[in-house]
Amino acid sequence: MAIRDDLDDHDILALQDQLVEEVSRKNAVGVIIDIGSLEIVDTFAGRMLGAMAQMARMMNARTVVVGMRPAVAMTLVELGMTLEGVETALNADRAINLILGERN
């Protein structure tokens, strides 16, 4: 799932619903969220990332965020957001290895 920079709060909530539906429908073991296009992040978007990871985890799917820019990481830390349960990887290949490595 890719999160674009031009998403508004309504779009993010729709993505969250789509994520839960897809994890359930496909019985997914992992979710990769690409935030590479995000230049900035606010508290709402940060909370939604954490919520998506928690929902996926409750459905037995591991969540890995890829493409985090340094400015986004710094903003999340400054906002005091730890994104508990969210793992990060440099790219999708490493995220897939993380997810599948744990399952094998």
Protein backbone atom coordinates (compact mmCIF):
# COMPACT_ATOMS: atom_id res chain seq x y z
CA MET A 1 0.00 0.00 0.00
CA ALA A 2 1.40 3.39 -0.96
CA ILE A 3 0.49 6.54 0.91
CA ARG A 4 0.67 9.63 -1.28
CA ASP A 5 1.55 13.11 -0.07
CA ASP A 6 -1.70 14.60 -1.37
CA LEU A 7 -4.02 12.44 0.76
CA ASP A 8 -6.40 14.22 3.06
CA ASP A 9 -7.77 12.86 6.34
CA HIS A 10 -10.77 11.28 4.59
CA ASP A 11 -8.49 9.48 2.11
CA ILE A 12 -6.34 8.13 4.94
CA LEU A 13 -9.40 6.73 6.72
CA ALA A 14 -10.51 5.09 3.45
CA LEU A 15 -7.05 3.51 3.08
CA GLN A 16 -7.33 2.19 6.61
CA ASP A 17 -10.64 0.51 5.78
CA GLN A 18 -9.19 -0.88 2.55
CA LEU A 19 -6.19 -2.28 4.43
CA VAL A 20 -8.36 -4.22 6.88
CA GLU A 21 -10.53 -5.59 4.07
CA GLU A 22 -7.53 -6.70 1.99
CA VAL A 23 -5.71 -8.33 4.92
CA SER A 24 -8.87 -10.29 5.72
CA ARG A 25 -9.72 -11.18 2.13
CA LYS A 26 -6.21 -12.32 1.23
CA ASN A 27 -5.35 -13.76 4.65
CA ALA A 28 -2.16 -11.70 4.43
CA VAL A 29 0.84 -12.44 6.64
CA GLY A 30 2.33 -9.01 6.11
CA VAL A 31 1.60 -5.47 5.04
CA ILE A 32 4.09 -3.09 3.44
CA ILE A 33 3.22 0.59 3.64
CA ASP A 34 5.27 2.81 1.35
CA ILE A 35 5.50 6.40 2.63
CA GLY A 36 8.31 7.44 0.30
CA SER A 37 6.24 10.20 -1.25
CA LEU A 38 5.43 11.82 2.11
CA GLU A 39 7.44 14.99 2.58
CA ILE A 40 5.83 15.82 5.91
CA VAL A 41 3.57 14.06 8.36
CA ASP A 42 1.13 15.41 10.91
CA THR A 43 -0.18 13.84 14.11
CA PHE A 44 -3.28 12.47 12.38
CA ALA A 45 -1.28 10.70 9.68
CA GLY A 46 1.15 9.38 12.29
CA ARG A 47 -1.67 8.03 14.45
CA MET A 48 -3.28 6.41 11.41
CA LEU A 49 -0.01 4.65 10.50
CA GLY A 50 0.14 3.27 14.02
CA ALA A 51 -3.54 2.28 13.91
CA MET A 52 -3.10 0.50 10.57
CA ALA A 53 -0.20 -1.49 11.99
CA GLN A 54 -2.18 -2.40 15.08
CA MET A 55 -5.20 -3.51 13.01
CA ALA A 56 -3.00 -5.64 10.76
CA ARG A 57 -1.25 -7.15 13.80
CA MET A 58 -4.64 -8.05 15.32
CA MET A 59 -5.33 -9.92 12.09
CA ASN A 60 -1.97 -11.72 12.39
CA ALA A 61 -0.18 -9.66 9.72
CA ARG A 62 3.15 -7.97 10.28
CA THR A 63 3.48 -4.30 9.19
CA VAL A 64 6.63 -2.83 7.68
CA VAL A 65 6.90 0.81 6.61
CA VAL A 66 9.31 1.58 3.77
CA GLY A 67 10.60 4.79 2.24
CA MET A 68 10.60 6.96 5.36
CA ARG A 69 12.40 10.22 4.70
CA PRO A 70 14.66 11.68 7.39
CA ALA A 71 12.39 14.72 7.78
CA VAL A 72 9.38 12.47 8.40
CA ALA A 73 11.28 10.43 10.98
CA MET A 74 12.41 13.60 12.74
CA THR A 75 8.88 15.01 12.77
CA LEU A 76 7.45 11.79 14.22
CA VAL A 77 10.05 11.87 17.01
CA GLU A 78 9.41 15.56 17.68
CA LEU A 79 5.68 14.81 17.93
CA GLY A 80 6.46 12.06 20.45
CA MET A 81 5.08 9.32 18.21
CA THR A 82 6.77 5.95 18.55
CA LEU A 83 4.49 4.03 16.13
CA GLU A 84 4.53 0.97 18.34
CA GLY A 85 4.40 -2.25 16.36
CA VAL A 86 5.56 -0.61 13.16
CA GLU A 87 8.79 -1.93 11.71
CA THR A 88 10.76 -0.11 9.05
CA ALA A 89 12.89 -1.21 6.14
CA LEU A 90 14.84 0.69 3.51
CA ASN A 91 12.86 -0.75 0.59
CA ALA A 92 10.15 -3.24 -0.35
CA ASP A 93 12.61 -6.10 -0.97
CA ARG A 94 13.97 -5.82 2.56
CA ALA A 95 10.43 -5.55 3.93
CA ILE A 96 9.41 -8.75 2.16
CA ASN A 97 12.49 -10.52 3.54
CA LEU A 98 11.58 -9.29 7.03
CA ILE A 99 8.02 -10.56 6.73
CA LEU A 100 8.84 -13.89 5.12
CA GLY A 101 11.95 -14.51 7.19
CA GLU A 102 9.87 -14.54 10.34
CA ARG A 103 7.33 -16.95 8.82
CA ASN A 104 9.84 -19.50 7.49
